[in-house]
């Protein structure tokens, strides 16, 4: 636990520096992943890895910035990957450029949607020390984030993140916008299947076990009923 606290704090400090420098250089950068979920929810789980979307034209500046922060950086087919080793662990960093690709399903999401539809939010940590850090930056919209989190397969943290977003922000999700974005990405059928599978996990109690393992909390029956209803509404707009 103590090591996780240290790594999270270092990760947040790095994210804060990245945000500050990219604003100074007027680079277009948007946070996705676990930290984006934290910006919208009460923060049900710990995260340390940094996931970002950026424009292709900014790649050179970003490589220089990350190396200056102590990351080993390499180019990938879809952007940049970085790793920073610490005494207490390590931080993985991913910057998607050109498109967001999920390796578990090989599905892709256009980053232009995310860059153009981002919102300014505040990010802080899970542990007490991390909560003292307040980072105001561009974060993927709720609609983009729900789509990205539903897109993956077999990742328990993403199941927790989808549930978190539906519990805390369901009333703020624009279903028409969500439908439009998913249609443009060609993900309607895939996401309908993912939603169907998640509903099954909730009904069998498997999602509750995952939630308990990762968050230390129990999903109430009333909450599960709300989640199933919300997921059915999402599925309906994807037809």
C-alpha atoms as a PDB file:
ATOM      1  CA  UNK A   1       0.000   0.000   0.000  1.00  0.00           C
ATOM      2  CA  UNK A   2       2.785   2.427   0.894  1.00  0.00           C
ATOM      3  CA  UNK A   3       4.552   1.760  -2.399  1.00  0.00           C
ATOM      4  CA  UNK A   4       1.336   2.378  -4.322  1.00  0.00           C
ATOM      5  CA  UNK A   5       0.943   5.738  -2.578  1.00  0.00           C
ATOM      6  CA  UNK A   6       4.463   6.775  -3.583  1.00  0.00           C
ATOM      7  CA  UNK A   7       4.053   5.676  -7.207  1.00  0.00           C
ATOM      8  CA  UNK A   8       0.676   7.402  -7.522  1.00  0.00           C
ATOM      9  CA  UNK A   9       2.098  10.661  -6.181  1.00  0.00           C
ATOM     10  CA  UNK A  10       5.048  10.517  -8.595  1.00  0.00           C
ATOM     11  CA  UNK A  11       2.673   9.754 -11.464  1.00  0.00           C
ATOM     12  CA  UNK A  12       0.450  12.723 -10.587  1.00  0.00           C
ATOM     13  CA  UNK A  13       3.475  15.022 -10.338  1.00  0.00           C
ATOM     14  CA  UNK A  14       4.596  13.885 -13.796  1.00  0.00           C
ATOM     15  CA  UNK A  15       1.113  14.404 -15.227  1.00  0.00           C
ATOM     16  CA  UNK A  16       1.056  17.884 -13.691  1.00  0.00           C
ATOM     17  CA  UNK A  17       4.397  18.726 -15.338  1.00  0.00           C
ATOM     18  CA  UNK A  18       3.266  17.318 -18.695  1.00  0.00           C
ATOM     19  CA  UNK A  19       0.077  19.395 -18.566  1.00  0.00           C
ATOM     20  CA  UNK A  20       1.956  22.547 -17.562  1.00  0.00           C
ATOM     21  CA  UNK A  21       4.572  22.218 -20.310  1.00  0.00           C
ATOM     22  CA  UNK A  22       2.119  21.298 -23.054  1.00  0.00           C
ATOM     23  CA  UNK A  23       0.003  24.341 -22.169  1.00  0.00           C
ATOM     24  CA  UNK A  24       3.114  26.493 -22.318  1.00  0.00           C
ATOM     25  CA  UNK A  25       3.981  25.061 -25.741  1.00  0.00           C
ATOM     26  CA  UNK A  26       0.315  25.224 -26.853  1.00  0.00           C
ATOM     27  CA  UNK A  27       0.162  21.509 -27.601  1.00  0.00           C
ATOM     28  CA  UNK A  28      -3.179  19.715 -27.894  1.00  0.00           C
ATOM     29  CA  UNK A  29      -3.285  16.983 -25.249  1.00  0.00           C
ATOM     30  CA  UNK A  30      -6.251  15.133 -23.729  1.00  0.00           C
ATOM     31  CA  UNK A  31      -6.278  12.705 -20.783  1.00  0.00           C
ATOM     32  CA  UNK A  32      -8.039   9.339 -21.177  1.00  0.00           C
ATOM     33  CA  UNK A  33      -7.807   6.117 -19.145  1.00  0.00           C
ATOM     34  CA  UNK A  34      -7.997   5.786 -15.367  1.00  0.00           C
ATOM     35  CA  UNK A  35      -7.144   9.388 -14.588  1.00  0.00           C
ATOM     36  CA  UNK A  36      -9.926  10.603 -16.875  1.00  0.00           C
ATOM     37  CA  UNK A  37     -12.385   8.374 -14.995  1.00  0.00           C
ATOM     38  CA  UNK A  38     -11.140   9.892 -11.723  1.00  0.00           C
ATOM     39  CA  UNK A  39     -11.963  13.352 -13.065  1.00  0.00           C
ATOM     40  CA  UNK A  40     -15.650  12.396 -13.418  1.00  0.00           C
ATOM     41  CA  UNK A  41     -16.204  10.076 -10.458  1.00  0.00           C
ATOM     42  CA  UNK A  42     -15.644   9.803  -6.726  1.00  0.00           C
ATOM     43  CA  UNK A  43     -12.605   7.682  -7.490  1.00  0.00           C
ATOM     44  CA  UNK A  44     -13.282   4.044  -6.724  1.00  0.00           C
ATOM     45  CA  UNK A  45      -9.902   2.615  -7.647  1.00  0.00           C
ATOM     46  CA  UNK A  46      -6.189   3.344  -7.639  1.00  0.00           C
ATOM     47  CA  UNK A  47      -4.341   4.086 -10.856  1.00  0.00           C
ATOM     48  CA  UNK A  48      -0.802   5.137 -11.654  1.00  0.00           C
ATOM     49  CA  UNK A  49      -0.504   4.890 -15.429  1.00  0.00           C
ATOM     50  CA  UNK A  50      -0.895   7.902 -17.703  1.00  0.00           C
ATOM     51  CA  UNK A  51      -2.963   7.607 -20.900  1.00  0.00           C
ATOM     52  CA  UNK A  52      -3.163  10.526 -23.317  1.00  0.00           C
ATOM     53  CA  UNK A  53      -4.317  11.555 -26.795  1.00  0.00           C
ATOM     54  CA  UNK A  54      -2.216  14.002 -28.818  1.00  0.00           C
ATOM     55  CA  UNK A  55      -1.859  15.434 -32.313  1.00  0.00           C
ATOM     56  CA  UNK A  56       0.740  13.937 -34.655  1.00  0.00           C
ATOM     57  CA  UNK A  57       2.397  17.308 -35.190  1.00  0.00           C
ATOM     58  CA  UNK A  58       3.290  17.472 -31.477  1.00  0.00           C
ATOM     59  CA  UNK A  59       5.166  14.153 -31.323  1.00  0.00           C
ATOM     60  CA  UNK A  60       8.680  15.641 -31.351  1.00  0.00           C
ATOM     61  CA  UNK A  61       8.022  18.018 -28.465  1.00  0.00           C
ATOM     62  CA  UNK A  62       6.333  15.269 -26.451  1.00  0.00           C
ATOM     63  CA  UNK A  63       9.275  12.877 -26.848  1.00  0.00           C
ATOM     64  CA  UNK A  64      11.674  15.548 -25.608  1.00  0.00           C
ATOM     65  CA  UNK A  65       9.405  16.381 -22.666  1.00  0.00           C
ATOM     66  CA  UNK A  66       9.009  12.759 -21.569  1.00  0.00           C
ATOM     67  CA  UNK A  67      12.712  12.028 -21.802  1.00  0.00           C
ATOM     68  CA  UNK A  68      13.334  15.099 -19.665  1.00  0.00           C
ATOM     69  CA  UNK A  69      11.040  13.611 -17.025  1.00  0.00           C
ATOM     70  CA  UNK A  70      13.030  10.371 -16.976  1.00  0.00           C
ATOM     71  CA  UNK A  71      10.882   8.169 -19.229  1.00  0.00           C
ATOM     72  CA  UNK A  72      12.258   5.658 -21.681  1.00  0.00           C
ATOM     73  CA  UNK A  73      10.262   6.530 -24.779  1.00  0.00           C
ATOM     74  CA  UNK A  74       9.620   4.564 -27.946  1.00  0.00           C
ATOM     75  CA  UNK A  75       7.445   5.055 -31.004  1.00  0.00           C
ATOM     76  CA  UNK A  76       4.670   2.561 -31.747  1.00  0.00           C
ATOM     77  CA  UNK A  77       2.365   2.088 -34.705  1.00  0.00           C
ATOM     78  CA  UNK A  78      -0.247   4.191 -32.933  1.00  0.00           C
ATOM     79  CA  UNK A  79       1.784   6.731 -30.957  1.00  0.00           C
ATOM     80  CA  UNK A  80       4.279   6.724 -28.104  1.00  0.00           C
ATOM     81  CA  UNK A  81       4.956   4.433 -25.155  1.00  0.00           C
ATOM     82  CA  UNK A  82       6.973   5.432 -22.136  1.00  0.00           C
ATOM     83  CA  UNK A  83       8.116   3.714 -18.958  1.00  0.00           C
ATOM     84  CA  UNK A  84       9.641   5.247 -15.861  1.00  0.00           C
ATOM     85  CA  UNK A  85      11.231   3.062 -13.207  1.00  0.00           C
ATOM     86  CA  UNK A  86      10.997   4.131  -9.582  1.00  0.00           C
ATOM     87  CA  UNK A  87      12.364   2.585  -6.393  1.00  0.00           C
ATOM     88  CA  UNK A  88       8.785   1.711  -5.461  1.00  0.00           C
ATOM     89  CA  UNK A  89       7.649   0.472  -8.872  1.00  0.00           C
ATOM     90  CA  UNK A  90       7.114   1.954 -12.323  1.00  0.00           C
ATOM     91  CA  UNK A  91       4.797   4.194 -14.351  1.00  0.00           C
ATOM     92  CA  UNK A  92       3.580   3.247 -17.818  1.00  0.00           C
ATOM     93  CA  UNK A  93       2.638   6.066 -20.170  1.00  0.00           C
ATOM     94  CA  UNK A  94       0.759   5.746 -23.476  1.00  0.00           C
ATOM     95  CA  UNK A  95       0.092   8.541 -25.938  1.00  0.00           C
ATOM     96  CA  UNK A  96      -2.262   7.653 -28.791  1.00  0.00           C
ATOM     97  CA  UNK A  97      -1.574   9.543 -32.015  1.00  0.00           C
ATOM     98  CA  UNK A  98      -3.568   8.896 -35.176  1.00  0.00           C
ATOM     99  CA  UNK A  99      -6.043   6.521 -33.510  1.00  0.00           C
ATOM    100  CA  UNK A 100      -6.801   4.794 -30.228  1.00  0.00           C
ATOM    101  CA  UNK A 101      -6.329   1.041 -30.604  1.00  0.00           C
ATOM    102  CA  UNK A 102      -7.384  -1.542 -28.038  1.00  0.00           C
ATOM    103  CA  UNK A 103      -5.082  -4.568 -28.145  1.00  0.00           C
ATOM    104  CA  UNK A 104      -7.629  -6.860 -26.430  1.00  0.00           C
ATOM    105  CA  UNK A 105     -10.134  -6.530 -29.303  1.00  0.00           C
ATOM    106  CA  UNK A 106      -8.128  -4.814 -32.071  1.00  0.00           C
ATOM    107  CA  UNK A 107     -10.908  -2.209 -32.225  1.00  0.00           C
ATOM    108  CA  UNK A 108     -10.068   1.403 -32.952  1.00  0.00           C
ATOM    109  CA  UNK A 109     -11.478   4.785 -32.013  1.00  0.00           C
ATOM    110  CA  UNK A 110     -10.746   8.034 -33.882  1.00  0.00           C
ATOM    111  CA  UNK A 111      -8.808  10.464 -31.658  1.00  0.00           C
ATOM    112  CA  UNK A 112     -10.202  13.469 -33.532  1.00  0.00           C
ATOM    113  CA  UNK A 113     -13.506  12.877 -31.744  1.00  0.00           C
ATOM    114  CA  UNK A 114     -11.714  12.957 -28.397  1.00  0.00           C
ATOM    115  CA  UNK A 115      -9.520  15.981 -29.131  1.00  0.00           C
ATOM    116  CA  UNK A 116     -12.445  18.065 -30.359  1.00  0.00           C
ATOM    117  CA  UNK A 117     -14.947  17.025 -27.693  1.00  0.00           C
ATOM    118  CA  UNK A 118     -12.740  17.207 -24.591  1.00  0.00           C
ATOM    119  CA  UNK A 119     -13.712  19.052 -21.414  1.00  0.00           C
ATOM    120  CA  UNK A 120     -11.674  20.852 -18.782  1.00  0.00           C
ATOM    121  CA  UNK A 121     -11.805  18.872 -15.526  1.00  0.00           C
ATOM    122  CA  UNK A 122      -9.812  18.476 -12.318  1.00  0.00           C
ATOM    123  CA  UNK A 123      -7.809  15.327 -11.617  1.00  0.00           C
ATOM    124  CA  UNK A 124      -6.509  14.211  -8.231  1.00  0.00           C
ATOM    125  CA  UNK A 125      -5.361  10.980  -6.621  1.00  0.00           C
ATOM    126  CA  UNK A 126      -6.914   8.004  -4.852  1.00  0.00           C
ATOM    127  CA  UNK A 127      -4.848   8.102  -1.672  1.00  0.00           C
ATOM    128  CA  UNK A 128      -4.851  11.033   0.748  1.00  0.00           C
ATOM    129  CA  UNK A 129      -1.499  12.342  -0.461  1.00  0.00           C
ATOM    130  CA  UNK A 130      -2.637  12.191  -4.067  1.00  0.00           C
ATOM    131  CA  UNK A 131      -5.888  13.999  -3.311  1.00  0.00           C
ATOM    132  CA  UNK A 132      -3.894  17.086  -2.412  1.00  0.00           C
ATOM    133  CA  UNK A 133      -2.720  17.310  -6.032  1.00  0.00           C
ATOM    134  CA  UNK A 134      -5.242  19.163  -8.207  1.00  0.00           C
ATOM    135  CA  UNK A 135      -4.580  19.101 -11.955  1.00  0.00           C
ATOM    136  CA  UNK A 136      -6.891  21.086 -14.220  1.00  0.00           C
ATOM    137  CA  UNK A 137      -6.609  19.825 -17.770  1.00  0.00           C
ATOM    138  CA  UNK A 138      -8.441  18.591 -20.883  1.00  0.00           C
ATOM    139  CA  UNK A 139     -10.144  15.241 -20.357  1.00  0.00           C
ATOM    140  CA  UNK A 140     -12.082  13.018 -22.772  1.00  0.00           C
ATOM    141  CA  UNK A 141     -15.836  13.655 -22.732  1.00  0.00           C
ATOM    142  CA  UNK A 142     -18.113  11.289 -20.827  1.00  0.00           C
ATOM    143  CA  UNK A 143     -19.435   9.879 -24.104  1.00  0.00           C
ATOM    144  CA  UNK A 144     -15.944   9.165 -25.466  1.00  0.00           C
ATOM    145  CA  UNK A 145     -14.771   7.720 -22.175  1.00  0.00           C
ATOM    146  CA  UNK A 146     -17.716   5.326 -21.825  1.00  0.00           C
ATOM    147  CA  UNK A 147     -17.154   4.118 -25.400  1.00  0.00           C
ATOM    148  CA  UNK A 148     -13.417   3.602 -24.825  1.00  0.00           C
ATOM    149  CA  UNK A 149     -13.993   1.704 -21.592  1.00  0.00           C
ATOM    150  CA  UNK A 150     -16.699  -0.501 -23.111  1.00  0.00           C
ATOM    151  CA  UNK A 151     -14.499  -1.210 -26.127  1.00  0.00           C
ATOM    152  CA  UNK A 152     -12.048  -3.440 -24.238  1.00  0.00           C
ATOM    153  CA  UNK A 153     -12.491  -7.111 -23.347  1.00  0.00           C
ATOM    154  CA  UNK A 154     -11.379  -9.032 -20.261  1.00  0.00           C
ATOM    155  CA  UNK A 155      -9.981  -6.078 -18.313  1.00  0.00           C
ATOM    156  CA  UNK A 156     -11.451  -5.924 -14.832  1.00  0.00           C
ATOM    157  CA  UNK A 157     -10.366  -2.329 -14.265  1.00  0.00           C
ATOM    158  CA  UNK A 158     -12.352  -1.229 -17.306  1.00  0.00           C
ATOM    159  CA  UNK A 159     -15.452  -2.994 -15.971  1.00  0.00           C
ATOM    160  CA  UNK A 160     -15.024  -1.064 -12.712  1.00  0.00           C
ATOM    161  CA  UNK A 161     -14.528   2.165 -14.655  1.00  0.00           C
ATOM    162  CA  UNK A 162     -17.701   1.701 -16.740  1.00  0.00           C
ATOM    163  CA  UNK A 163     -19.679   0.957 -13.588  1.00  0.00           C
ATOM    164  CA  UNK A 164     -18.153   4.013 -11.866  1.00  0.00           C
ATOM    165  CA  UNK A 165     -19.153   6.321 -14.716  1.00  0.00           C
ATOM    166  CA  UNK A 166     -22.691   4.935 -14.840  1.00  0.00           C
ATOM    167  CA  UNK A 167     -23.141   5.230 -11.065  1.00  0.00           C
ATOM    168  CA  UNK A 168     -21.825   8.782 -10.735  1.00  0.00           C
ATOM    169  CA  UNK A 169     -22.544  10.413 -14.107  1.00  0.00           C
ATOM    170  CA  UNK A 170     -25.355   8.552 -15.872  1.00  0.00           C
ATOM    171  CA  UNK A 171     -27.664  11.577 -15.948  1.00  0.00           C
ATOM    172  CA  UNK A 172     -24.992  13.653 -17.709  1.00  0.00           C
ATOM    173  CA  UNK A 173     -24.261  11.252 -20.575  1.00  0.00           C
ATOM    174  CA  UNK A 174     -25.703  12.570 -23.838  1.00  0.00           C
ATOM    175  CA  UNK A 175     -27.114   9.430 -25.472  1.00  0.00           C
ATOM    176  CA  UNK A 176     -27.542  11.054 -28.876  1.00  0.00           C
ATOM    177  CA  UNK A 177     -23.918  12.187 -28.866  1.00  0.00           C
ATOM    178  CA  UNK A 178     -22.763   8.769 -27.616  1.00  0.00           C
ATOM    179  CA  UNK A 179     -24.651   7.070 -30.448  1.00  0.00           C
ATOM    180  CA  UNK A 180     -23.234   9.426 -33.064  1.00  0.00           C
ATOM    181  CA  UNK A 181     -19.640   8.952 -31.890  1.00  0.00           C
ATOM    182  CA  UNK A 182     -19.917   5.163 -31.788  1.00  0.00           C
ATOM    183  CA  UNK A 183     -21.500   5.071 -35.253  1.00  0.00           C
ATOM    184  CA  UNK A 184     -18.663   7.170 -36.705  1.00  0.00           C
ATOM    185  CA  UNK A 185     -16.162   4.768 -35.168  1.00  0.00           C
ATOM    186  CA  UNK A 186     -18.003   1.738 -36.588  1.00  0.00           C
ATOM    187  CA  UNK A 187     -18.367   0.246 -33.114  1.00  0.00           C
ATOM    188  CA  UNK A 188     -22.128  -0.192 -32.744  1.00  0.00           C
ATOM    189  CA  UNK A 189     -22.253  -3.979 -33.044  1.00  0.00           C
ATOM    190  CA  UNK A 190     -19.131  -4.514 -30.956  1.00  0.00           C
ATOM    191  CA  UNK A 191     -20.336  -2.237 -28.150  1.00  0.00           C
ATOM    192  CA  UNK A 192     -23.793  -3.825 -28.138  1.00  0.00           C
ATOM    193  CA  UNK A 193     -22.112  -7.192 -27.582  1.00  0.00           C
ATOM    194  CA  UNK A 194     -19.934  -5.723 -24.842  1.00  0.00           C
ATOM    195  CA  UNK A 195     -22.956  -4.214 -23.124  1.00  0.00           C
ATOM    196  CA  UNK A 196     -24.840  -7.527 -23.358  1.00  0.00           C
ATOM    197  CA  UNK A 197     -21.859  -9.311 -21.766  1.00  0.00           C
ATOM    198  CA  UNK A 198     -21.611  -6.751 -18.958  1.00  0.00           C
ATOM    199  CA  UNK A 199     -25.319  -7.083 -18.193  1.00  0.00           C
ATOM    200  CA  UNK A 200     -24.712 -10.825 -17.919  1.00  0.00           C
ATOM    201  CA  UNK A 201     -21.863 -10.265 -15.466  1.00  0.00           C
ATOM    202  CA  UNK A 202     -24.080  -8.066 -13.327  1.00  0.00           C
ATOM    203  CA  UNK A 203     -26.947 -10.592 -13.304  1.00  0.00           C
ATOM    204  CA  UNK A 204     -24.678 -13.496 -12.340  1.00  0.00           C
ATOM    205  CA  UNK A 205     -22.934 -11.476  -9.629  1.00  0.00           C
ATOM    206  CA  UNK A 206     -19.524 -11.644 -11.314  1.00  0.00           C
ATOM    207  CA  UNK A 207     -19.289  -7.870 -11.709  1.00  0.00           C
ATOM    208  CA  UNK A 208     -20.013  -7.510  -7.993  1.00  0.00           C
ATOM    209  CA  UNK A 209     -17.070  -9.788  -7.202  1.00  0.00           C
ATOM    210  CA  UNK A 210     -14.796  -7.743  -9.490  1.00  0.00           C
ATOM    211  CA  UNK A 211     -16.041  -4.500  -7.934  1.00  0.00           C
ATOM    212  CA  UNK A 212     -15.412  -5.811  -4.412  1.00  0.00           C
ATOM    213  CA  UNK A 213     -11.931  -7.070  -5.284  1.00  0.00           C
ATOM    214  CA  UNK A 214     -10.795  -3.781  -6.831  1.00  0.00           C
ATOM    215  CA  UNK A 215     -12.688  -1.182  -4.776  1.00  0.00           C
ATOM    216  CA  UNK A 216     -13.186  -2.968  -1.464  1.00  0.00           C
ATOM    217  CA  UNK A 217     -16.886  -2.057  -1.639  1.00  0.00           C
ATOM    218  CA  UNK A 218     -20.038  -4.037  -2.341  1.00  0.00           C
ATOM    219  CA  UNK A 219     -22.484  -3.319  -5.140  1.00  0.00           C
ATOM    220  CA  UNK A 220     -25.979  -2.937  -3.716  1.00  0.00           C
ATOM    221  CA  UNK A 221     -28.874  -4.686  -5.456  1.00  0.00           C
ATOM    222  CA  UNK A 222     -30.490  -1.302  -6.102  1.00  0.00           C
ATOM    223  CA  UNK A 223     -27.295  -0.124  -7.818  1.00  0.00           C
ATOM    224  CA  UNK A 224     -27.127  -3.256  -9.967  1.00  0.00           C
ATOM    225  CA  UNK A 225     -30.726  -2.668 -11.082  1.00  0.00           C
ATOM    226  CA  UNK A 226     -29.808   0.928 -12.024  1.00  0.00           C
ATOM    227  CA  UNK A 227     -26.740  -0.293 -13.940  1.00  0.00           C
ATOM    228  CA  UNK A 228     -28.730  -2.819 -15.983  1.00  0.00           C
ATOM    229  CA  UNK A 229     -31.332  -0.189 -16.841  1.00  0.00           C
ATOM    230  CA  UNK A 230     -28.606   2.290 -17.878  1.00  0.00           C
ATOM    231  CA  UNK A 231     -26.789  -0.283 -19.999  1.00  0.00           C
ATOM    232  CA  UNK A 232     -30.004  -1.215 -21.786  1.00  0.00           C
ATOM    233  CA  UNK A 233     -30.502   2.469 -22.625  1.00  0.00           C
ATOM    234  CA  UNK A 234     -26.963   2.602 -24.069  1.00  0.00           C
ATOM    235  CA  UNK A 235     -27.595  -0.568 -26.070  1.00  0.00           C
ATOM    236  CA  UNK A 236     -30.863   0.815 -27.436  1.00  0.00           C
ATOM    237  CA  UNK A 237     -29.227   3.898 -29.006  1.00  0.00           C
ATOM    238  CA  UNK A 238     -26.607   1.739 -30.766  1.00  0.00           C
ATOM    239  CA  UNK A 239     -29.108  -0.026 -33.032  1.00  0.00           C
END
